[in-house]
């Protein structure tokens, strides 16, 4: 147990020094690794622990990203929704809520499938959302949305790879801790029991 804590402490110390000792290219690369690792955590819970195969995870990542970007850059939001576009943090929350609602809706339809049809259904939803985003000119087509303002944290603008590095890795470590605690709980054992 002591060795685990020493390794974790060394890893965290190294993580704190990364933007200072590595070039911007490697910091950006580590940012992508952190973001994709967050997606992989969800996939591990669904596939590795729950035993359900999903090939549509990227669609939900895209839906959350497009929702956040669209709300952040929109200038003509309806009055009842205008308060969301006032802060990138609020649009992140709105993106999460909309993605969760779509995931529940699509999951309620797709989880009725079994065998090989479940993975095929998730592929179909993923491809459908990809082409939906790509053909909507209001979302920038296949090039995406431009002009997204950087987020601020306690007055600090996170507009570069080195600045947002700590936020990405803090969320990843928080997600890993939450996943670990979930799997050690009664609910986690129930999720594992689903796999059989």
N, C-alpha and C. Protein backbone atom coordinates (compact mmCIF):
# COMPACT_ATOMS: atom_id res chain seq x y z
N UNK A 1 0.83 -1.20 0.00
CA UNK A 1 0.00 0.00 0.00
C UNK A 1 0.87 1.26 0.00
N UNK A 2 1.96 1.22 0.75
CA UNK A 2 2.86 2.38 0.81
C UNK A 2 3.50 2.63 -0.55
N UNK A 3 3.84 1.56 -1.26
CA UNK A 3 4.44 1.70 -2.58
C UNK A 3 3.47 2.35 -3.54
N UNK A 4 2.19 1.99 -3.45
CA UNK A 4 1.17 2.59 -4.32
C UNK A 4 1.09 4.10 -4.10
N UNK A 5 1.15 4.51 -2.85
CA UNK A 5 1.08 5.94 -2.55
C UNK A 5 2.32 6.68 -3.04
N UNK A 6 3.47 6.04 -2.93
CA UNK A 6 4.70 6.66 -3.43
C UNK A 6 4.65 6.82 -4.95
N UNK A 7 4.18 5.80 -5.63
CA UNK A 7 4.06 5.87 -7.09
C UNK A 7 3.06 6.96 -7.49
N UNK A 8 1.92 7.02 -6.80
CA UNK A 8 0.93 8.05 -7.08
C UNK A 8 1.49 9.44 -6.82
N UNK A 9 2.21 9.61 -5.72
CA UNK A 9 2.82 10.90 -5.41
C UNK A 9 3.84 11.32 -6.45
N UNK A 10 4.67 10.38 -6.90
CA UNK A 10 5.66 10.67 -7.94
C UNK A 10 4.97 11.03 -9.25
N UNK A 11 3.89 10.32 -9.58
CA UNK A 11 3.15 10.61 -10.80
C UNK A 11 2.54 12.00 -10.75
N UNK A 12 1.93 12.37 -9.62
CA UNK A 12 1.33 13.70 -9.49
C UNK A 12 2.38 14.80 -9.54
N UNK A 13 3.54 14.56 -8.93
CA UNK A 13 4.62 15.55 -8.98
C UNK A 13 5.10 15.73 -10.42
N UNK A 14 5.24 14.64 -11.13
CA UNK A 14 5.66 14.71 -12.53
C UNK A 14 4.60 15.41 -13.38
N UNK A 15 3.35 15.14 -13.08
CA UNK A 15 2.25 15.76 -13.81
C UNK A 15 2.24 17.28 -13.62
N UNK A 16 2.57 17.73 -12.43
CA UNK A 16 2.62 19.17 -12.16
C UNK A 16 3.72 19.87 -12.95
N UNK A 17 4.79 19.14 -13.26
CA UNK A 17 5.93 19.74 -13.95
C UNK A 17 5.83 19.67 -15.47
N UNK A 18 4.89 18.89 -16.00
CA UNK A 18 4.83 18.63 -17.44
C UNK A 18 4.83 19.89 -18.30
N UNK A 19 3.93 20.88 -18.08
CA UNK A 19 3.94 22.05 -18.96
C UNK A 19 5.25 22.85 -18.91
N UNK A 20 5.96 22.76 -17.81
CA UNK A 20 7.22 23.51 -17.69
C UNK A 20 8.39 22.82 -18.38
N UNK A 21 8.36 21.49 -18.45
CA UNK A 21 9.53 20.78 -18.98
C UNK A 21 9.34 20.21 -20.39
N UNK A 22 8.11 20.13 -20.86
CA UNK A 22 7.88 19.58 -22.20
C UNK A 22 7.50 20.68 -23.18
N UNK A 23 7.73 20.42 -24.45
CA UNK A 23 7.37 21.38 -25.50
C UNK A 23 5.85 21.43 -25.66
N UNK A 24 5.34 22.50 -26.26
CA UNK A 24 3.88 22.61 -26.45
C UNK A 24 3.29 21.43 -27.23
N UNK A 25 4.06 20.85 -28.14
CA UNK A 25 3.57 19.70 -28.90
C UNK A 25 3.23 18.55 -27.96
N UNK A 26 4.14 18.22 -27.05
CA UNK A 26 3.92 17.10 -26.15
C UNK A 26 2.84 17.41 -25.11
N UNK A 27 2.73 18.67 -24.72
CA UNK A 27 1.66 19.05 -23.79
C UNK A 27 0.30 18.87 -24.46
N UNK A 28 0.20 19.30 -25.73
CA UNK A 28 -1.04 19.10 -26.48
C UNK A 28 -1.34 17.62 -26.65
N UNK A 29 -0.31 16.83 -26.92
CA UNK A 29 -0.48 15.39 -27.05
C UNK A 29 -1.00 14.78 -25.75
N UNK A 30 -0.45 15.21 -24.62
CA UNK A 30 -0.92 14.73 -23.32
C UNK A 30 -2.35 15.21 -23.03
N UNK A 31 -2.70 16.39 -23.53
CA UNK A 31 -4.09 16.85 -23.39
C UNK A 31 -5.05 15.92 -24.11
N UNK A 32 -4.69 15.54 -25.34
CA UNK A 32 -5.53 14.59 -26.08
C UNK A 32 -5.59 13.24 -25.38
N UNK A 33 -4.47 12.80 -24.85
CA UNK A 33 -4.44 11.53 -24.12
C UNK A 33 -5.38 11.60 -22.92
N UNK A 34 -5.36 12.71 -22.19
CA UNK A 34 -6.24 12.88 -21.04
C UNK A 34 -7.71 12.89 -21.44
N UNK A 35 -8.03 13.60 -22.53
CA UNK A 35 -9.42 13.65 -22.99
C UNK A 35 -9.91 12.28 -23.44
N UNK A 36 -9.09 11.58 -24.22
CA UNK A 36 -9.50 10.25 -24.70
C UNK A 36 -9.54 9.24 -23.56
N UNK A 37 -8.72 9.43 -22.54
CA UNK A 37 -8.77 8.53 -21.39
C UNK A 37 -10.08 8.70 -20.63
N UNK A 38 -10.63 9.93 -20.60
CA UNK A 38 -11.94 10.13 -19.98
C UNK A 38 -13.02 9.36 -20.72
N UNK A 39 -12.95 9.39 -22.05
CA UNK A 39 -13.90 8.63 -22.86
C UNK A 39 -13.73 7.14 -22.59
N UNK A 40 -12.48 6.71 -22.49
CA UNK A 40 -12.20 5.29 -22.26
C UNK A 40 -12.73 4.82 -20.90
N UNK A 41 -12.74 5.71 -19.90
CA UNK A 41 -13.30 5.34 -18.60
C UNK A 41 -14.77 4.94 -18.73
N UNK A 42 -15.52 5.71 -19.49
CA UNK A 42 -16.92 5.37 -19.71
C UNK A 42 -17.07 4.07 -20.47
N UNK A 43 -16.20 3.86 -21.43
CA UNK A 43 -16.24 2.62 -22.21
C UNK A 43 -15.86 1.42 -21.36
N UNK A 44 -14.92 1.60 -20.44
CA UNK A 44 -14.53 0.51 -19.52
C UNK A 44 -15.72 0.13 -18.64
N UNK A 45 -16.42 1.14 -18.12
CA UNK A 45 -17.59 0.85 -17.28
C UNK A 45 -18.67 0.11 -18.07
N UNK A 46 -18.93 0.58 -19.28
CA UNK A 46 -20.01 -0.01 -20.07
C UNK A 46 -19.64 -1.39 -20.60
N UNK A 47 -18.48 -1.50 -21.22
CA UNK A 47 -18.09 -2.75 -21.88
C UNK A 47 -17.36 -3.69 -20.95
N UNK A 48 -16.32 -3.20 -20.31
CA UNK A 48 -15.50 -4.07 -19.48
C UNK A 48 -16.17 -4.54 -18.21
N UNK A 49 -16.93 -3.66 -17.57
CA UNK A 49 -17.57 -4.00 -16.30
C UNK A 49 -19.01 -4.45 -16.52
N UNK A 50 -19.76 -3.68 -17.30
CA UNK A 50 -21.17 -4.00 -17.51
C UNK A 50 -21.43 -5.08 -18.54
N UNK A 51 -20.45 -5.34 -19.39
CA UNK A 51 -20.60 -6.39 -20.40
C UNK A 51 -21.44 -6.00 -21.60
N UNK A 52 -21.69 -4.70 -21.79
CA UNK A 52 -22.46 -4.23 -22.94
C UNK A 52 -21.50 -3.63 -23.95
N UNK A 53 -21.62 -4.04 -25.20
CA UNK A 53 -20.71 -3.55 -26.23
C UNK A 53 -21.28 -2.31 -26.88
N UNK A 54 -20.48 -1.24 -26.90
CA UNK A 54 -20.91 0.01 -27.52
C UNK A 54 -19.81 0.53 -28.43
N UNK A 55 -20.19 0.84 -29.66
CA UNK A 55 -19.26 1.45 -30.60
C UNK A 55 -19.67 2.89 -30.90
N UNK A 56 -20.53 3.45 -30.08
CA UNK A 56 -21.04 4.79 -30.34
C UNK A 56 -20.61 5.84 -29.33
N UNK A 57 -19.58 5.54 -28.52
CA UNK A 57 -19.15 6.49 -27.49
C UNK A 57 -18.74 7.84 -28.08
N UNK A 58 -18.06 7.81 -29.22
CA UNK A 58 -17.58 9.06 -29.83
C UNK A 58 -18.74 9.98 -30.20
N UNK A 59 -19.88 9.40 -30.53
CA UNK A 59 -21.04 10.22 -30.88
C UNK A 59 -21.50 11.07 -29.70
N UNK A 60 -21.46 10.51 -28.51
CA UNK A 60 -21.86 11.27 -27.33
C UNK A 60 -20.83 12.33 -26.97
N UNK A 61 -19.57 12.04 -27.19
CA UNK A 61 -18.52 13.05 -26.99
C UNK A 61 -18.76 14.20 -27.96
N UNK A 62 -19.04 13.86 -29.22
CA UNK A 62 -19.31 14.89 -30.22
C UNK A 62 -20.55 15.69 -29.92
N UNK A 63 -21.60 15.02 -29.45
CA UNK A 63 -22.84 15.72 -29.12
C UNK A 63 -22.61 16.73 -28.00
N UNK A 64 -21.89 16.33 -26.96
CA UNK A 64 -21.58 17.26 -25.87
C UNK A 64 -20.72 18.42 -26.34
N UNK A 65 -19.73 18.12 -27.18
CA UNK A 65 -18.84 19.17 -27.68
C UNK A 65 -19.59 20.14 -28.58
N UNK A 66 -20.39 19.62 -29.50
CA UNK A 66 -21.14 20.49 -30.40
C UNK A 66 -22.18 21.32 -29.65
N UNK A 67 -22.84 20.73 -28.66
CA UNK A 67 -23.82 21.48 -27.88
C UNK A 67 -23.15 22.64 -27.15
N UNK A 68 -22.02 22.34 -26.51
CA UNK A 68 -21.29 23.37 -25.78
C UNK A 68 -20.81 24.47 -26.72
N UNK A 69 -20.22 24.08 -27.85
CA UNK A 69 -19.70 25.06 -28.81
C UNK A 69 -20.83 25.89 -29.41
N UNK A 70 -21.94 25.25 -29.77
CA UNK A 70 -23.05 25.98 -30.38
C UNK A 70 -23.66 26.99 -29.41
N UNK A 71 -23.84 26.59 -28.16
CA UNK A 71 -24.41 27.51 -27.17
C UNK A 71 -23.45 28.63 -26.82
N UNK A 72 -22.15 28.34 -26.83
CA UNK A 72 -21.16 29.36 -26.49
C UNK A 72 -21.04 30.42 -27.57
N UNK A 73 -21.16 30.01 -28.83
CA UNK A 73 -20.96 30.96 -29.93
C UNK A 73 -22.25 31.56 -30.46
N UNK A 74 -23.40 31.04 -30.04
CA UNK A 74 -24.68 31.53 -30.56
C UNK A 74 -24.95 32.94 -30.06
N UNK A 75 -25.37 33.79 -30.98
CA UNK A 75 -25.70 35.17 -30.60
C UNK A 75 -27.21 35.41 -30.59
N UNK A 76 -27.96 34.49 -31.15
CA UNK A 76 -29.41 34.69 -31.27
C UNK A 76 -30.19 33.62 -30.51
N UNK A 77 -29.77 33.35 -29.29
CA UNK A 77 -30.48 32.37 -28.47
C UNK A 77 -31.81 32.95 -28.01
N UNK A 78 -32.85 32.13 -27.87
CA UNK A 78 -34.11 32.62 -27.32
C UNK A 78 -33.91 33.16 -25.90
N UNK A 79 -34.79 34.04 -25.48
CA UNK A 79 -34.64 34.70 -24.18
C UNK A 79 -34.55 33.71 -23.03
N UNK A 80 -35.32 32.63 -23.08
CA UNK A 80 -35.31 31.66 -21.99
C UNK A 80 -34.01 30.86 -21.92
N UNK A 81 -33.21 30.90 -23.00
CA UNK A 81 -31.97 30.14 -23.05
C UNK A 81 -30.74 31.03 -23.08
N UNK A 82 -30.94 32.35 -23.17
CA UNK A 82 -29.82 33.27 -23.32
C UNK A 82 -28.86 33.24 -22.13
N UNK A 83 -29.35 32.96 -20.95
CA UNK A 83 -28.49 32.93 -19.76
C UNK A 83 -27.44 31.83 -19.85
N UNK A 84 -27.73 30.76 -20.60
CA UNK A 84 -26.77 29.66 -20.72
C UNK A 84 -25.55 30.10 -21.50
N UNK A 85 -25.76 30.87 -22.56
CA UNK A 85 -24.65 31.31 -23.40
C UNK A 85 -23.77 32.36 -22.75
N UNK A 86 -24.14 32.83 -21.57
CA UNK A 86 -23.37 33.87 -20.90
C UNK A 86 -22.04 33.36 -20.37
N UNK A 87 -21.94 32.08 -20.10
CA UNK A 87 -20.71 31.52 -19.52
C UNK A 87 -20.39 30.18 -20.17
N UNK A 88 -19.13 29.98 -20.59
CA UNK A 88 -18.75 28.67 -21.12
C UNK A 88 -18.96 27.54 -20.11
N UNK A 89 -18.86 27.84 -18.82
CA UNK A 89 -19.09 26.80 -17.81
C UNK A 89 -20.54 26.35 -17.81
N UNK A 90 -21.48 27.30 -17.98
CA UNK A 90 -22.89 26.93 -18.05
C UNK A 90 -23.19 26.13 -19.31
N UNK A 91 -22.51 26.47 -20.42
CA UNK A 91 -22.73 25.71 -21.65
C UNK A 91 -22.15 24.30 -21.53
N UNK A 92 -21.08 24.13 -20.75
CA UNK A 92 -20.56 22.78 -20.50
C UNK A 92 -21.59 21.94 -19.75
N UNK A 93 -22.22 22.54 -18.75
CA UNK A 93 -23.26 21.83 -17.99
C UNK A 93 -24.44 21.51 -18.90
N UNK A 94 -24.84 22.49 -19.72
CA UNK A 94 -25.95 22.25 -20.66
C UNK A 94 -25.59 21.14 -21.64
N UNK A 95 -24.34 21.13 -22.11
CA UNK A 95 -23.90 20.07 -23.01
C UNK A 95 -23.97 18.70 -22.36
N UNK A 96 -23.57 18.63 -21.09
CA UNK A 96 -23.66 17.36 -20.35
C UNK A 96 -25.11 16.91 -20.18
N UNK A 97 -25.98 17.85 -19.83
CA UNK A 97 -27.39 17.50 -19.61
C UNK A 97 -28.07 17.04 -20.90
N UNK A 98 -27.80 17.74 -21.99
CA UNK A 98 -28.41 17.36 -23.27
C UNK A 98 -27.86 16.01 -23.73
N UNK A 99 -26.56 15.81 -23.57
CA UNK A 99 -25.97 14.53 -23.94
C UNK A 99 -26.55 13.39 -23.10
N UNK A 100 -26.72 13.63 -21.81
CA UNK A 100 -27.30 12.60 -20.94
C UNK A 100 -28.73 12.28 -21.36
N UNK A 101 -29.51 13.32 -21.70
CA UNK A 101 -30.89 13.09 -22.12
C UNK A 101 -30.94 12.28 -23.42
N UNK A 102 -30.09 12.62 -24.38
CA UNK A 102 -30.05 11.87 -25.65
C UNK A 102 -29.56 10.45 -25.40
N UNK A 103 -28.59 10.28 -24.50
CA UNK A 103 -28.08 8.94 -24.18
C UNK A 103 -29.17 8.07 -23.56
N UNK A 104 -29.97 8.65 -22.67
CA UNK A 104 -31.07 7.89 -22.07
C UNK A 104 -32.10 7.51 -23.13
N UNK A 105 -32.42 8.45 -24.02
CA UNK A 105 -33.39 8.17 -25.08
C UNK A 105 -32.87 7.07 -26.02
N UNK A 106 -31.64 7.24 -26.52
CA UNK A 106 -31.08 6.24 -27.43
C UNK A 106 -30.84 4.92 -26.72
N UNK A 107 -30.42 4.98 -25.46
CA UNK A 107 -30.19 3.76 -24.70
C UNK A 107 -31.47 2.98 -24.47
N UNK A 108 -32.57 3.70 -24.22
CA UNK A 108 -33.85 3.00 -24.01
C UNK A 108 -34.30 2.27 -25.27
N UNK A 109 -33.92 2.79 -26.42
CA UNK A 109 -34.26 2.11 -27.68
C UNK A 109 -33.27 1.00 -28.00
N UNK A 110 -31.99 1.27 -27.77
CA UNK A 110 -30.94 0.34 -28.20
C UNK A 110 -30.77 -0.84 -27.25
N UNK A 111 -30.96 -0.64 -25.96
CA UNK A 111 -30.74 -1.73 -25.01
C UNK A 111 -31.78 -2.85 -25.11
N UNK A 112 -32.81 -2.63 -25.91
CA UNK A 112 -33.77 -3.71 -26.16
C UNK A 112 -33.19 -4.74 -27.11
N UNK A 113 -32.11 -4.36 -27.80
CA UNK A 113 -31.45 -5.28 -28.73
C UNK A 113 -30.54 -6.21 -27.94
N UNK A 114 -30.28 -7.38 -28.49
CA UNK A 114 -29.38 -8.32 -27.82
C UNK A 114 -28.47 -8.97 -28.84
N UNK A 115 -27.49 -9.68 -28.34
CA UNK A 115 -26.55 -10.37 -29.22
C UNK A 115 -25.75 -9.40 -30.06
N UNK A 116 -25.60 -9.73 -31.33
CA UNK A 116 -24.82 -8.88 -32.24
C UNK A 116 -25.56 -7.61 -32.63
N UNK A 117 -26.86 -7.57 -32.39
CA UNK A 117 -27.65 -6.41 -32.80
C UNK A 117 -27.36 -5.18 -31.93
N UNK A 118 -26.98 -5.38 -30.67
CA UNK A 118 -26.65 -4.25 -29.80
C UNK A 118 -25.44 -3.48 -30.33
N UNK A 119 -24.30 -4.12 -30.61
CA UNK A 119 -23.18 -3.36 -31.17
C UNK A 119 -23.52 -2.71 -32.51
N UNK A 120 -24.29 -3.41 -33.34
CA UNK A 120 -24.67 -2.83 -34.63
C UNK A 120 -25.56 -1.60 -34.44
N UNK A 121 -26.45 -1.66 -33.45
CA UNK A 121 -27.29 -0.50 -33.15
C UNK A 121 -26.48 0.69 -32.68
N UNK A 122 -25.46 0.44 -31.85
CA UNK A 122 -24.63 1.56 -31.38
C UNK A 122 -23.79 2.14 -32.52
N UNK A 123 -23.35 1.29 -33.43
CA UNK A 123 -22.63 1.79 -34.61
C UNK A 123 -23.56 2.67 -35.44
N UNK A 124 -24.80 2.23 -35.62
CA UNK A 124 -25.77 3.00 -36.42
C UNK A 124 -26.02 4.37 -35.81
N UNK A 125 -26.20 4.44 -34.47
CA UNK A 125 -26.41 5.74 -33.83
C UNK A 125 -25.18 6.63 -33.98
N UNK A 126 -24.00 6.04 -33.81
CA UNK A 126 -22.77 6.82 -33.95
C UNK A 126 -22.60 7.40 -35.34
N UNK A 127 -22.84 6.59 -36.36
CA UNK A 127 -22.72 7.06 -37.74
C UNK A 127 -23.80 8.10 -38.05
N UNK A 128 -25.01 7.89 -37.54
CA UNK A 128 -26.10 8.84 -37.77
C UNK A 128 -25.76 10.21 -37.21
N UNK A 129 -25.26 10.25 -35.98
CA UNK A 129 -24.91 11.55 -35.39
C UNK A 129 -23.73 12.19 -36.11
N UNK A 130 -22.78 11.39 -36.56
CA UNK A 130 -21.63 11.92 -37.31
C UNK A 130 -22.11 12.63 -38.58
N UNK A 131 -22.99 11.98 -39.34
CA UNK A 131 -23.48 12.60 -40.57
C UNK A 131 -24.42 13.76 -40.29
N UNK A 132 -25.17 13.70 -39.20
CA UNK A 132 -26.02 14.82 -38.82
C UNK A 132 -25.18 16.06 -38.55
N UNK A 133 -24.13 15.91 -37.75
CA UNK A 133 -23.25 17.05 -37.45
C UNK A 133 -22.55 17.54 -38.70
N UNK A 134 -22.12 16.63 -39.55
CA UNK A 134 -21.36 17.01 -40.74
C UNK A 134 -22.17 17.72 -41.79
N UNK A 135 -23.47 17.47 -41.85
CA UNK A 135 -24.29 18.09 -42.89
C UNK A 135 -24.98 19.37 -42.43
N UNK A 136 -24.97 19.65 -41.15
CA UNK A 136 -25.62 20.87 -40.66
C UNK A 136 -24.66 22.05 -40.79
N UNK A 137 -24.98 22.96 -41.71
CA UNK A 137 -24.11 24.12 -41.91
C UNK A 137 -24.13 25.06 -40.71
N UNK A 138 -25.20 25.04 -39.93
CA UNK A 138 -25.25 25.88 -38.73
C UNK A 138 -24.22 25.43 -37.70
N UNK A 139 -23.77 24.17 -37.81
CA UNK A 139 -22.73 23.65 -36.92
C UNK A 139 -21.36 23.63 -37.60
N UNK A 140 -21.24 24.30 -38.74
CA UNK A 140 -19.95 24.39 -39.41
C UNK A 140 -19.63 23.23 -40.33
N UNK A 141 -20.59 22.34 -40.56
CA UNK A 141 -20.32 21.20 -41.43
C UNK A 141 -19.23 20.31 -40.85
N UNK A 142 -18.42 19.75 -41.74
CA UNK A 142 -17.36 18.85 -41.30
C UNK A 142 -16.16 19.59 -40.71
N UNK A 143 -16.09 20.92 -40.86
CA UNK A 143 -14.97 21.66 -40.29
C UNK A 143 -15.23 22.09 -38.85
N UNK A 144 -16.47 22.05 -38.41
CA UNK A 144 -16.79 22.37 -37.02
C UNK A 144 -17.10 23.84 -36.80
N UNK A 145 -17.24 24.19 -35.55
CA UNK A 145 -17.61 25.55 -35.15
C UNK A 145 -16.35 26.31 -34.78
N UNK A 146 -16.27 27.54 -35.26
CA UNK A 146 -15.11 28.39 -34.96
C UNK A 146 -15.52 29.51 -34.02
N UNK A 147 -14.54 30.19 -33.47
CA UNK A 147 -14.80 31.34 -32.61
C UNK A 147 -15.25 30.99 -31.21
N UNK A 148 -14.87 29.82 -30.74
CA UNK A 148 -15.27 29.41 -29.39
C UNK A 148 -14.37 30.14 -28.39
N UNK A 149 -14.96 30.90 -27.47
CA UNK A 149 -14.13 31.62 -26.50
C UNK A 149 -13.51 30.66 -25.48
N UNK A 150 -12.32 31.00 -24.98
CA UNK A 150 -11.70 30.14 -23.96
C UNK A 150 -12.44 30.24 -22.64
N UNK A 151 -12.34 29.19 -21.85
CA UNK A 151 -12.97 29.22 -20.54
C UNK A 151 -12.03 29.89 -19.55
N UNK A 152 -12.61 30.43 -18.50
CA UNK A 152 -11.83 31.08 -17.45
C UNK A 152 -12.09 30.38 -16.13
N UNK A 153 -11.04 30.28 -15.34
CA UNK A 153 -11.14 29.65 -14.03
C UNK A 153 -10.48 30.57 -13.02
N UNK A 154 -11.28 31.15 -12.14
CA UNK A 154 -10.80 32.09 -11.12
C UNK A 154 -10.00 33.23 -11.74
N UNK A 155 -10.49 33.77 -12.87
CA UNK A 155 -9.84 34.88 -13.53
C UNK A 155 -8.66 34.49 -14.41
N UNK A 156 -8.37 33.22 -14.50
CA UNK A 156 -7.25 32.72 -15.30
C UNK A 156 -7.81 32.17 -16.61
N UNK A 157 -7.43 32.76 -17.74
CA UNK A 157 -7.93 32.33 -19.04
C UNK A 157 -7.19 31.08 -19.49
N UNK A 158 -7.94 30.03 -19.75
CA UNK A 158 -7.36 28.76 -20.19
C UNK A 158 -7.42 28.69 -21.72
N UNK A 159 -6.52 29.44 -22.37
CA UNK A 159 -6.57 29.54 -23.83
C UNK A 159 -5.43 28.82 -24.54
N UNK A 160 -4.63 28.08 -23.82
CA UNK A 160 -3.54 27.34 -24.45
C UNK A 160 -3.42 25.95 -23.86
N UNK A 161 -2.62 25.13 -24.52
CA UNK A 161 -2.45 23.75 -24.07
C UNK A 161 -1.90 23.64 -22.67
N UNK A 162 -0.92 24.48 -22.34
CA UNK A 162 -0.33 24.43 -21.01
C UNK A 162 -1.28 24.86 -19.92
N UNK A 163 -2.17 25.81 -20.25
CA UNK A 163 -3.11 26.30 -19.25
C UNK A 163 -4.23 25.30 -18.97
N UNK A 164 -4.71 24.63 -20.01
CA UNK A 164 -5.84 23.73 -19.82
C UNK A 164 -5.39 22.33 -19.42
N UNK A 165 -4.09 22.07 -19.49
CA UNK A 165 -3.52 20.77 -19.14
C UNK A 165 -3.96 20.33 -17.75
N UNK A 166 -3.81 21.23 -16.78
CA UNK A 166 -4.13 20.88 -15.40
C UNK A 166 -5.61 20.58 -15.22
N UNK A 167 -6.47 21.33 -15.91
CA UNK A 167 -7.91 21.10 -15.80
C UNK A 167 -8.29 19.73 -16.37
N UNK A 168 -7.74 19.40 -17.54
CA UNK A 168 -8.03 18.09 -18.16
C UNK A 168 -7.60 16.96 -17.24
N UNK A 169 -6.37 17.04 -16.75
CA UNK A 169 -5.86 15.95 -15.93
C UNK A 169 -6.51 15.90 -14.55
N UNK A 170 -6.95 17.04 -14.03
CA UNK A 170 -7.69 17.03 -12.77
C UNK A 170 -9.03 16.30 -12.94
N UNK A 171 -9.72 16.59 -14.05
CA UNK A 171 -10.98 15.90 -14.32
C UNK A 171 -10.76 14.41 -14.57
N UNK A 172 -9.67 14.06 -15.26
CA UNK A 172 -9.38 12.65 -15.50
C UNK A 172 -9.11 11.92 -14.19
N UNK A 173 -8.29 12.50 -13.33
CA UNK A 173 -7.99 11.87 -12.05
C UNK A 173 -9.23 11.77 -11.17
N UNK A 174 -10.07 12.81 -11.21
CA UNK A 174 -11.34 12.77 -10.47
C UNK A 174 -12.25 11.67 -11.02
N UNK A 175 -12.29 11.53 -12.34
CA UNK A 175 -13.08 10.47 -12.96
C UNK A 175 -12.56 9.09 -12.60
N UNK A 176 -11.25 8.93 -12.56
CA UNK A 176 -10.66 7.64 -12.18
C UNK A 176 -10.99 7.30 -10.73
N UNK A 177 -10.89 8.30 -9.86
CA UNK A 177 -11.21 8.09 -8.45
C UNK A 177 -12.69 7.74 -8.27
N UNK A 178 -13.55 8.45 -8.99
CA UNK A 178 -14.98 8.18 -8.92
C UNK A 178 -15.30 6.78 -9.44
N UNK A 179 -14.67 6.39 -10.54
CA UNK A 179 -14.89 5.05 -11.10
C UNK A 179 -14.42 3.98 -10.13
N UNK A 180 -13.26 4.20 -9.53
CA UNK A 180 -12.74 3.24 -8.55
C UNK A 180 -13.69 3.10 -7.36
N UNK A 181 -14.16 4.23 -6.85
CA UNK A 181 -15.10 4.20 -5.72
C UNK A 181 -16.43 3.56 -6.11
N UNK A 182 -16.89 3.81 -7.33
CA UNK A 182 -18.13 3.19 -7.79
C UNK A 182 -17.99 1.68 -7.83
N UNK A 183 -16.88 1.19 -8.37
CA UNK A 183 -16.71 -0.25 -8.51
C UNK A 183 -16.53 -0.95 -7.16
N UNK A 184 -16.10 -0.21 -6.14
CA UNK A 184 -15.97 -0.79 -4.80
C UNK A 184 -17.24 -0.67 -3.97
N UNK A 185 -18.28 -0.09 -4.55
CA UNK A 185 -19.53 0.11 -3.80
C UNK A 185 -20.52 -1.01 -4.10
N UNK A 186 -21.64 -0.97 -3.41
CA UNK A 186 -22.71 -1.95 -3.63
C UNK A 186 -23.23 -1.84 -5.07
N UNK A 187 -23.40 -0.61 -5.56
CA UNK A 187 -23.87 -0.42 -6.93
C UNK A 187 -22.87 -0.97 -7.94
N UNK A 188 -21.57 -0.81 -7.66
CA UNK A 188 -20.53 -1.34 -8.54
C UNK A 188 -20.57 -2.85 -8.63
N UNK A 189 -20.81 -3.48 -7.50
CA UNK A 189 -20.94 -4.95 -7.52
C UNK A 189 -22.18 -5.37 -8.31
N UNK A 190 -23.24 -4.58 -8.23
CA UNK A 190 -24.44 -4.88 -9.01
C UNK A 190 -24.18 -4.74 -10.51
N UNK A 191 -23.40 -3.71 -10.88
CA UNK A 191 -23.05 -3.53 -12.30
C UNK A 191 -22.23 -4.71 -12.79
N UNK A 192 -21.28 -5.15 -11.96
CA UNK A 192 -20.46 -6.31 -12.35
C UNK A 192 -21.30 -7.57 -12.45
N UNK A 193 -22.33 -7.68 -11.62
CA UNK A 193 -23.19 -8.87 -11.65
C UNK A 193 -24.00 -8.95 -12.94
N UNK A 194 -24.24 -7.79 -13.58
CA UNK A 194 -24.97 -7.79 -14.85
C UNK A 194 -24.23 -8.58 -15.92
N UNK A 195 -22.91 -8.56 -15.82
CA UNK A 195 -22.08 -9.23 -16.82
C UNK A 195 -22.22 -10.74 -16.73
N UNK A 196 -22.44 -11.22 -15.53
CA UNK A 196 -22.65 -12.65 -15.34
C UNK A 196 -21.44 -13.39 -15.20
